[in-house]
Amino acid sequence: ILLGRYERCDTYGAKVLTHDNISRVHLLVLGVEGQLYAIDAASTNGTWLRDEDDSCREVRIAPLVGSDELLLGEELAFVRWVPHEE
């Protein structure tokens, strides 16, 4: 799944993000052997992972677990990963 301003990011239910400070292709969500990863696509304003203690750290690649929350470009957009239960 691609997240960003580029029109091709409007796939799999993800919507194109329109804020000018979000990169055209800001974030890639990729599955590898049953694990999902968030990969920053060399975005201008970065991708941040909010930790359980509510602090944020910049990430280039991070496994998605639990209810992780990613911030695109210092709180321009929020992405929350919630695993699907079967």
PDB file of N, CA and C in Angstrom:
ATOM      1  N   ILE A   1       0.854  -1.169   0.000  1.00  0.00           N
ATOM      2  CA  ILE A   1       0.000   0.000   0.000  1.00  0.00           C
ATOM      3  C   ILE A   1       0.896   1.227   0.000  1.00  0.00           C
ATOM      4  N   LEU A   2       0.599   2.178  -0.871  1.00  0.00           N
ATOM      5  CA  LEU A   2       1.320   3.447  -0.915  1.00  0.00           C
ATOM      6  C   LEU A   2       0.468   4.530  -0.279  1.00  0.00           C
ATOM      7  N   LEU A   3       1.080   5.375   0.537  1.00  0.00           N
ATOM      8  CA  LEU A   3       0.385   6.522   1.122  1.00  0.00           C
ATOM      9  C   LEU A   3       1.124   7.787   0.719  1.00  0.00           C
ATOM     10  N   GLY A   4       0.384   8.771   0.239  1.00  0.00           N
ATOM     11  CA  GLY A   4       0.984  10.031  -0.153  1.00  0.00           C
ATOM     12  C   GLY A   4       0.057  10.853  -1.035  1.00  0.00           C
ATOM     13  N   ARG A   5       0.619  11.897  -1.665  1.00  0.00           N
ATOM     14  CA  ARG A   5      -0.164  12.813  -2.495  1.00  0.00           C
ATOM     15  C   ARG A   5      -0.345  12.331  -3.932  1.00  0.00           C
ATOM     16  N   TYR A   6       0.488  11.426  -4.381  1.00  0.00           N
ATOM     17  CA  TYR A   6       0.465  10.948  -5.758  1.00  0.00           C
ATOM     18  C   TYR A   6      -0.839  10.218  -6.039  1.00  0.00           C
ATOM     19  N   GLU A   7      -1.429  10.435  -7.194  1.00  0.00           N
ATOM     20  CA  GLU A   7      -2.733   9.847  -7.515  1.00  0.00           C
ATOM     21  C   GLU A   7      -2.732   8.320  -7.455  1.00  0.00           C
ATOM     22  N   ARG A   8      -1.603   7.678  -7.673  1.00  0.00           N
ATOM     23  CA  ARG A   8      -1.535   6.217  -7.606  1.00  0.00           C
ATOM     24  C   ARG A   8      -1.591   5.704  -6.170  1.00  0.00           C
ATOM     25  N   CYS A   9      -1.562   6.586  -5.185  1.00  0.00           N
ATOM     26  CA  CYS A   9      -1.677   6.185  -3.785  1.00  0.00           C
ATOM     27  C   CYS A   9      -3.124   5.898  -3.401  1.00  0.00           C
ATOM     28  N   ASP A  10      -4.074   6.143  -4.303  1.00  0.00           N
ATOM     29  CA  ASP A  10      -5.490   5.907  -4.036  1.00  0.00           C
ATOM     30  C   ASP A  10      -5.835   4.458  -4.388  1.00  0.00           C
ATOM     31  N   THR A  11      -5.311   3.516  -3.572  1.00  0.00           N
ATOM     32  CA  THR A  11      -5.531   2.095  -3.834  1.00  0.00           C
ATOM     33  C   THR A  11      -5.843   1.366  -2.537  1.00  0.00           C
ATOM     34  N   TYR A  12      -6.466   0.229  -2.666  1.00  0.00           N
ATOM     35  CA  TYR A  12      -6.769  -0.643  -1.530  1.00  0.00           C
ATOM     36  C   TYR A  12      -7.449   0.089  -0.384  1.00  0.00           C
ATOM     37  N   GLY A  13      -8.294   1.047  -0.699  1.00  0.00           N
ATOM     38  CA  GLY A  13      -9.020   1.771   0.328  1.00  0.00           C
ATOM     39  C   GLY A  13      -8.277   2.950   0.911  1.00  0.00           C
ATOM     40  N   ALA A  14      -6.968   3.076   0.614  1.00  0.00           N
ATOM     41  CA  ALA A  14      -6.194   4.236   1.079  1.00  0.00           C
ATOM     42  C   ALA A  14      -6.566   5.429   0.207  1.00  0.00           C
ATOM     43  N   LYS A  15      -6.671   6.572   0.795  1.00  0.00           N
ATOM     44  CA  LYS A  15      -7.012   7.788   0.065  1.00  0.00           C
ATOM     45  C   LYS A  15      -5.764   8.617  -0.187  1.00  0.00           C
ATOM     46  N   VAL A  16      -5.785   9.367  -1.259  1.00  0.00           N
ATOM     47  CA  VAL A  16      -4.694  10.297  -1.544  1.00  0.00           C
ATOM     48  C   VAL A  16      -4.697  11.359  -0.451  1.00  0.00           C
ATOM     49  N   LEU A  17      -3.514  11.652   0.103  1.00  0.00           N
ATOM     50  CA  LEU A  17      -3.369  12.672   1.140  1.00  0.00           C
ATOM     51  C   LEU A  17      -3.003  13.978   0.445  1.00  0.00           C
ATOM     52  N   THR A  18      -3.667  15.060   0.794  1.00  0.00           N
ATOM     53  CA  THR A  18      -3.539  16.277   0.004  1.00  0.00           C
ATOM     54  C   THR A  18      -2.689  17.378   0.617  1.00  0.00           C
ATOM     55  N   HIS A  19      -2.177  17.199   1.813  1.00  0.00           N
ATOM     56  CA  HIS A  19      -1.373  18.257   2.433  1.00  0.00           C
ATOM     57  C   HIS A  19      -0.051  18.412   1.682  1.00  0.00           C
ATOM     58  N   ASP A  20       0.344  19.653   1.385  1.00  0.00           N
ATOM     59  CA  ASP A  20       1.554  19.922   0.595  1.00  0.00           C
ATOM     60  C   ASP A  20       2.831  19.400   1.240  1.00  0.00           C
ATOM     61  N   ASN A  21       2.869  19.258   2.560  1.00  0.00           N
ATOM     62  CA  ASN A  21       4.075  18.799   3.240  1.00  0.00           C
ATOM     63  C   ASN A  21       4.166  17.277   3.367  1.00  0.00           C
ATOM     64  N   ILE A  22       3.187  16.575   2.796  1.00  0.00           N
ATOM     65  CA  ILE A  22       3.274  15.123   2.694  1.00  0.00           C
ATOM     66  C   ILE A  22       3.829  14.826   1.310  1.00  0.00           C
ATOM     67  N   SER A  23       4.824  13.963   1.260  1.00  0.00           N
ATOM     68  CA  SER A  23       5.482  13.653  -0.012  1.00  0.00           C
ATOM     69  C   SER A  23       4.523  12.948  -0.971  1.00  0.00           C
ATOM     70  N   ARG A  24       4.869  13.023  -2.269  1.00  0.00           N
ATOM     71  CA  ARG A  24       4.017  12.368  -3.273  1.00  0.00           C
ATOM     72  C   ARG A  24       3.866  10.887  -2.962  1.00  0.00           C
ATOM     73  N   VAL A  25       4.940  10.202  -2.665  1.00  0.00           N
ATOM     74  CA  VAL A  25       4.898   8.836  -2.136  1.00  0.00           C
ATOM     75  C   VAL A  25       5.635   8.909  -0.807  1.00  0.00           C
ATOM     76  N   HIS A  26       4.884   8.958   0.273  1.00  0.00           N
ATOM     77  CA  HIS A  26       5.448   9.209   1.598  1.00  0.00           C
ATOM     78  C   HIS A  26       5.794   7.910   2.320  1.00  0.00           C
ATOM     79  N   LEU A  27       4.891   6.936   2.257  1.00  0.00           N
ATOM     80  CA  LEU A  27       5.027   5.727   3.058  1.00  0.00           C
ATOM     81  C   LEU A  27       4.567   4.522   2.262  1.00  0.00           C
ATOM     82  N   LEU A  28       5.272   3.429   2.433  1.00  0.00           N
ATOM     83  CA  LEU A  28       4.925   2.147   1.827  1.00  0.00           C
ATOM     84  C   LEU A  28       4.640   1.170   2.954  1.00  0.00           C
ATOM     85  N   VAL A  29       3.530   0.460   2.873  1.00  0.00           N
ATOM     86  CA  VAL A  29       3.233  -0.620   3.818  1.00  0.00           C
ATOM     87  C   VAL A  29       3.377  -1.915   3.034  1.00  0.00           C
ATOM     88  N   LEU A  30       4.260  -2.780   3.514  1.00  0.00           N
ATOM     89  CA  LEU A  30       4.650  -3.981   2.781  1.00  0.00           C
ATOM     90  C   LEU A  30       4.590  -5.191   3.698  1.00  0.00           C
ATOM     91  N   GLY A  31       4.048  -6.287   3.196  1.00  0.00           N
ATOM     92  CA  GLY A  31       4.016  -7.529   3.954  1.00  0.00           C
ATOM     93  C   GLY A  31       5.141  -8.455   3.537  1.00  0.00           C
ATOM     94  N   VAL A  32       5.883  -8.967   4.521  1.00  0.00           N
ATOM     95  CA  VAL A  32       6.968  -9.914   4.272  1.00  0.00           C
ATOM     96  C   VAL A  32       6.811 -11.074   5.243  1.00  0.00           C
ATOM     97  N   GLU A  33       6.547 -12.264   4.703  1.00  0.00           N
ATOM     98  CA  GLU A  33       6.403 -13.477   5.506  1.00  0.00           C
ATOM     99  C   GLU A  33       5.459 -13.303   6.691  1.00  0.00           C
ATOM    100  N   GLY A  34       4.296 -12.720   6.447  1.00  0.00           N
ATOM    101  CA  GLY A  34       3.283 -12.568   7.475  1.00  0.00           C
ATOM    102  C   GLY A  34       3.436 -11.365   8.392  1.00  0.00           C
ATOM    103  N   GLN A  35       4.491 -10.582   8.230  1.00  0.00           N
ATOM    104  CA  GLN A  35       4.724  -9.382   9.049  1.00  0.00           C
ATOM    105  C   GLN A  35       4.583  -8.151   8.167  1.00  0.00           C
ATOM    106  N   LEU A  36       3.854  -7.151   8.648  1.00  0.00           N
ATOM    107  CA  LEU A  36       3.739  -5.898   7.914  1.00  0.00           C
ATOM    108  C   LEU A  36       4.795  -4.912   8.389  1.00  0.00           C
ATOM    109  N   TYR A  37       5.338  -4.162   7.437  1.00  0.00           N
ATOM    110  CA  TYR A  37       6.338  -3.142   7.728  1.00  0.00           C
ATOM    111  C   TYR A  37       5.896  -1.816   7.124  1.00  0.00           C
ATOM    112  N   ALA A  38       6.150  -0.741   7.857  1.00  0.00           N
ATOM    113  CA  ALA A  38       5.971   0.618   7.342  1.00  0.00           C
ATOM    114  C   ALA A  38       7.359   1.095   6.919  1.00  0.00           C
ATOM    115  N   ILE A  39       7.474   1.550   5.677  1.00  0.00           N
ATOM    116  CA  ILE A  39       8.754   1.980   5.136  1.00  0.00           C
ATOM    117  C   ILE A  39       8.608   3.408   4.635  1.00  0.00           C
ATOM    118  N   ASP A  40       9.354   4.323   5.229  1.00  0.00           N
ATOM    119  CA  ASP A  40       9.361   5.705   4.774  1.00  0.00           C
ATOM    120  C   ASP A  40      10.047   5.736   3.405  1.00  0.00           C
ATOM    121  N   ALA A  41       9.424   6.365   2.444  1.00  0.00           N
ATOM    122  CA  ALA A  41       9.923   6.381   1.067  1.00  0.00           C
ATOM    123  C   ALA A  41      10.801   7.605   0.816  1.00  0.00           C
ATOM    124  N   ALA A  42      11.758   7.846   1.719  1.00  0.00           N
ATOM    125  CA  ALA A  42      12.647   9.011   1.624  1.00  0.00           C
ATOM    126  C   ALA A  42      11.837  10.305   1.559  1.00  0.00           C
ATOM    127  N   SER A  43      10.795  10.366   2.394  1.00  0.00           N
ATOM    128  CA  SER A  43       9.926  11.543   2.411  1.00  0.00           C
ATOM    129  C   SER A  43      10.684  12.768   2.923  1.00  0.00           C
ATOM    130  N   THR A  44      10.212  13.932   2.526  1.00  0.00           N
ATOM    131  CA  THR A  44      10.843  15.187   2.922  1.00  0.00           C
ATOM    132  C   THR A  44      10.705  15.445   4.421  1.00  0.00           C
ATOM    133  N   ASN A  45       9.520  15.195   4.978  1.00  0.00           N
ATOM    134  CA  ASN A  45       9.251  15.537   6.378  1.00  0.00           C
ATOM    135  C   ASN A  45       9.201  14.344   7.321  1.00  0.00           C
ATOM    136  N   GLY A  46       9.552  13.160   6.856  1.00  0.00           N
ATOM    137  CA  GLY A  46       9.721  11.998   7.716  1.00  0.00           C
ATOM    138  C   GLY A  46       8.449  11.309   8.160  1.00  0.00           C
ATOM    139  N   THR A  47       8.661  10.136   8.750  1.00  0.00           N
ATOM    140  CA  THR A  47       7.603   9.327   9.337  1.00  0.00           C
ATOM    141  C   THR A  47       8.000   9.066  10.782  1.00  0.00           C
ATOM    142  N   TRP A  48       7.048   9.216  11.686  1.00  0.00           N
ATOM    143  CA  TRP A  48       7.304   9.118  13.122  1.00  0.00           C
ATOM    144  C   TRP A  48       6.414   8.033  13.706  1.00  0.00           C
ATOM    145  N   LEU A  49       6.963   7.251  14.629  1.00  0.00           N
ATOM    146  CA  LEU A  49       6.216   6.211  15.328  1.00  0.00           C
ATOM    147  C   LEU A  49       5.943   6.691  16.742  1.00  0.00           C
ATOM    148  N   ARG A  50       4.659   6.694  17.125  1.00  0.00           N
ATOM    149  CA  ARG A  50       4.289   7.089  18.485  1.00  0.00           C
ATOM    150  C   ARG A  50       4.386   5.864  19.382  1.00  0.00           C
ATOM    151  N   ASP A  51       5.198   5.959  20.427  1.00  0.00           N
ATOM    152  CA  ASP A  51       5.402   4.854  21.364  1.00  0.00           C
ATOM    153  C   ASP A  51       4.284   4.814  22.396  1.00  0.00           C
ATOM    154  N   GLU A  52       4.263   3.724  23.173  1.00  0.00           N
ATOM    155  CA  GLU A  52       3.237   3.557  24.210  1.00  0.00           C
ATOM    156  C   GLU A  52       3.244   4.683  25.229  1.00  0.00           C
ATOM    157  N   ASP A  53       4.417   5.285  25.494  1.00  0.00           N
ATOM    158  CA  ASP A  53       4.501   6.375  26.469  1.00  0.00           C
ATOM    159  C   ASP A  53       4.196   7.736  25.827  1.00  0.00           C
ATOM    160  N   ASP A  54       3.635   7.716  24.617  1.00  0.00           N
ATOM    161  CA  ASP A  54       3.199   8.899  23.876  1.00  0.00           C
ATOM    162  C   ASP A  54       4.359   9.744  23.335  1.00  0.00           C
ATOM    163  N   SER A  55       5.579   9.202  23.371  1.00  0.00           N
ATOM    164  CA  SER A  55       6.697   9.903  22.740  1.00  0.00           C
ATOM    165  C   SER A  55       6.794   9.432  21.288  1.00  0.00           C
ATOM    166  N   CYS A  56       7.444  10.228  20.455  1.00  0.00           N
ATOM    167  CA  CYS A  56       7.581   9.904  19.038  1.00  0.00           C
ATOM    168  C   CYS A  56       9.045   9.798  18.669  1.00  0.00           C
ATOM    169  N   ARG A  57       9.324   8.875  17.740  1.00  0.00           N
ATOM    170  CA  ARG A  57      10.679   8.767  17.208  1.00  0.00           C
ATOM    171  C   ARG A  57      10.570   8.585  15.702  1.00  0.00           C
ATOM    172  N   GLU A  58      11.502   9.185  14.996  1.00  0.00           N
ATOM    173  CA  GLU A  58      11.491   9.083  13.543  1.00  0.00           C
ATOM    174  C   GLU A  58      11.940   7.688  13.135  1.00  0.00           C
ATOM    175  N   VAL A  59      11.257   7.117  12.147  1.00  0.00           N
ATOM    176  CA  VAL A  59      11.601   5.782  11.657  1.00  0.00           C
ATOM    177  C   VAL A  59      11.738   5.810  10.139  1.00  0.00           C
ATOM    178  N   ARG A  60      12.599   4.959   9.644  1.00  0.00           N
ATOM    179  CA  ARG A  60      12.721   4.727   8.196  1.00  0.00           C
ATOM    180  C   ARG A  60      12.021   3.434   7.826  1.00  0.00           C
ATOM    181  N   ILE A  61      12.117   2.436   8.726  1.00  0.00           N
ATOM    182  CA  ILE A  61      11.411   1.177   8.558  1.00  0.00           C
ATOM    183  C   ILE A  61      11.019   0.684   9.944  1.00  0.00           C
ATOM    184  N   ALA A  62       9.774   0.204  10.070  1.00  0.00           N
ATOM    185  CA  ALA A  62       9.311  -0.268  11.376  1.00  0.00           C
ATOM    186  C   ALA A  62       8.285  -1.375  11.171  1.00  0.00           C
ATOM    187  N   PRO A  63       8.412  -2.465  11.935  1.00  0.00           N
ATOM    188  CA  PRO A  63       7.364  -3.493  11.885  1.00  0.00           C
ATOM    189  C   PRO A  63       6.092  -2.927  12.520  1.00  0.00           C
ATOM    190  N   LEU A  64       4.945  -3.256  11.955  1.00  0.00           N
ATOM    191  CA  LEU A  64       3.671  -2.786  12.495  1.00  0.00           C
ATOM    192  C   LEU A  64       3.112  -3.852  13.429  1.00  0.00           C
ATOM    193  N   VAL A  65       2.876  -3.465  14.671  1.00  0.00           N
ATOM    194  CA  VAL A  65       2.335  -4.386  15.671  1.00  0.00           C
ATOM    195  C   VAL A  65       1.272  -3.665  16.484  1.00  0.00           C
ATOM    196  N   GLY A  66       0.363  -4.473  17.065  1.00  0.00           N
ATOM    197  CA  GLY A  66      -0.642  -3.907  17.961  1.00  0.00           C
ATOM    198  C   GLY A  66      -1.415  -2.767  17.341  1.00  0.00           C
ATOM    199  N   SER A  67      -1.512  -1.676  18.051  1.00  0.00           N
ATOM    200  CA  SER A  67      -2.213  -0.485  17.565  1.00  0.00           C
ATOM    201  C   SER A  67      -1.220   0.641  17.325  1.00  0.00           C
ATOM    202  N   ASP A  68      -0.142   0.336  16.617  1.00  0.00           N
ATOM    203  CA  ASP A  68       0.865   1.352  16.329  1.00  0.00           C
ATOM    204  C   ASP A  68       0.251   2.542  15.607  1.00  0.00           C
ATOM    205  N   GLU A  69       0.771   3.716  15.922  1.00  0.00           N
ATOM    206  CA  GLU A  69       0.320   4.938  15.260  1.00  0.00           C
ATOM    207  C   GLU A  69       1.526   5.607  14.614  1.00  0.00           C
ATOM    208  N   LEU A  70       1.396   5.861  13.331  1.00  0.00           N
ATOM    209  CA  LEU A  70       2.439   6.553  12.587  1.00  0.00           C
ATOM    210  C   LEU A  70       1.973   7.964  12.282  1.00  0.00           C
ATOM    211  N   LEU A  71       2.889   8.901  12.352  1.00  0.00           N
ATOM    212  CA  LEU A  71       2.611  10.290  12.017  1.00  0.00           C
ATOM    213  C   LEU A  71       3.413  10.612  10.761  1.00  0.00           C
ATOM    214  N   LEU A  72       2.750  11.132   9.776  1.00  0.00           N
ATOM    215  CA  LEU A  72       3.430  11.496   8.547  1.00  0.00           C
ATOM    216  C   LEU A  72       3.767  12.970   8.606  1.00  0.00           C
ATOM    217  N   GLY A  73       5.049  13.292   8.516  1.00  0.00           N
ATOM    218  CA  GLY A  73       5.483  14.685   8.496  1.00  0.00           C
ATOM    219  C   GLY A  73       5.120  15.463   9.734  1.00  0.00           C
ATOM    220  N   GLU A  74       5.495  14.995  10.891  1.00  0.00           N
ATOM    221  CA  GLU A  74       5.270  15.692  12.160  1.00  0.00           C
ATOM    222  C   GLU A  74       3.809  16.117  12.348  1.00  0.00           C
ATOM    223  N   GLU A  75       2.943  15.130  12.391  1.00  0.00           N
ATOM    224  CA  GLU A  75       1.528  15.288  12.704  1.00  0.00           C
ATOM    225  C   GLU A  75       0.705  15.931  11.595  1.00  0.00           C
ATOM    226  N   LEU A  76       1.104  15.732  10.334  1.00  0.00           N
ATOM    227  CA  LEU A  76       0.284  16.201   9.219  1.00  0.00           C
ATOM    228  C   LEU A  76      -0.836  15.206   8.910  1.00  0.00           C
ATOM    229  N   ALA A  77      -0.555  13.924   9.140  1.00  0.00           N
ATOM    230  CA  ALA A  77      -1.548  12.860   8.962  1.00  0.00           C
ATOM    231  C   ALA A  77      -1.196  11.737   9.929  1.00  0.00           C
ATOM    232  N   PHE A  78      -2.211  11.037  10.396  1.00  0.00           N
ATOM    233  CA  PHE A  78      -2.028   9.916  11.304  1.00  0.00           C
ATOM    234  C   PHE A  78      -2.439   8.636  10.589  1.00  0.00           C
ATOM    235  N   VAL A  79      -1.685   7.573  10.825  1.00  0.00           N
ATOM    236  CA  VAL A  79      -2.034   6.253  10.305  1.00  0.00           C
ATOM    237  C   VAL A  79      -1.982   5.305  11.489  1.00  0.00           C
ATOM    238  N   ARG A  80      -3.062   4.606  11.729  1.00  0.00           N
ATOM    239  CA  ARG A  80      -3.096   3.656  12.834  1.00  0.00           C
ATOM    240  C   ARG A  80      -3.271   2.250  12.271  1.00  0.00           C
ATOM    241  N   TRP A  81      -2.400   1.349  12.706  1.00  0.00           N
ATOM    242  CA  TRP A  81      -2.470  -0.043  12.289  1.00  0.00           C
ATOM    243  C   TRP A  81      -3.251  -0.818  13.333  1.00  0.00           C
ATOM    244  N   VAL A  82      -4.316  -1.455  12.886  1.00  0.00           N
ATOM    245  CA  VAL A  82      -5.119  -2.311  13.762  1.00  0.00           C
ATOM    246  C   VAL A  82      -5.225  -3.668  13.078  1.00  0.00           C
ATOM    247  N   PRO A  83      -4.622  -4.708  13.659  1.00  0.00           N
ATOM    248  CA  PRO A  83      -4.654  -6.029  13.037  1.00  0.00           C
ATOM    249  C   PRO A  83      -6.085  -6.532  12.866  1.00  0.00           C
ATOM    250  N   HIS A  84      -6.316  -7.199  11.759  1.00  0.00           N
ATOM    251  CA  HIS A  84      -7.606  -7.789  11.472  1.00  0.00           C
ATOM    252  C   HIS A  84      -7.698  -9.127  12.183  1.00  0.00           C
ATOM    253  N   GLU A  85      -8.737  -9.315  12.958  1.00  0.00           N
ATOM    254  CA  GLU A  85      -8.914 -10.588  13.662  1.00  0.00           C
ATOM    255  C   GLU A  85      -9.856 -11.458  12.857  1.00  0.00           C
ATOM    256  N   GLU A  86      -9.443 -12.706  12.646  1.00  0.00           N
ATOM    257  CA  GLU A  86     -10.274 -13.629  11.856  1.00  0.00           C
ATOM    258  C   GLU A  86     -11.126 -14.485  12.746  1.00  0.00           C
TER     259      GLU A  86
END
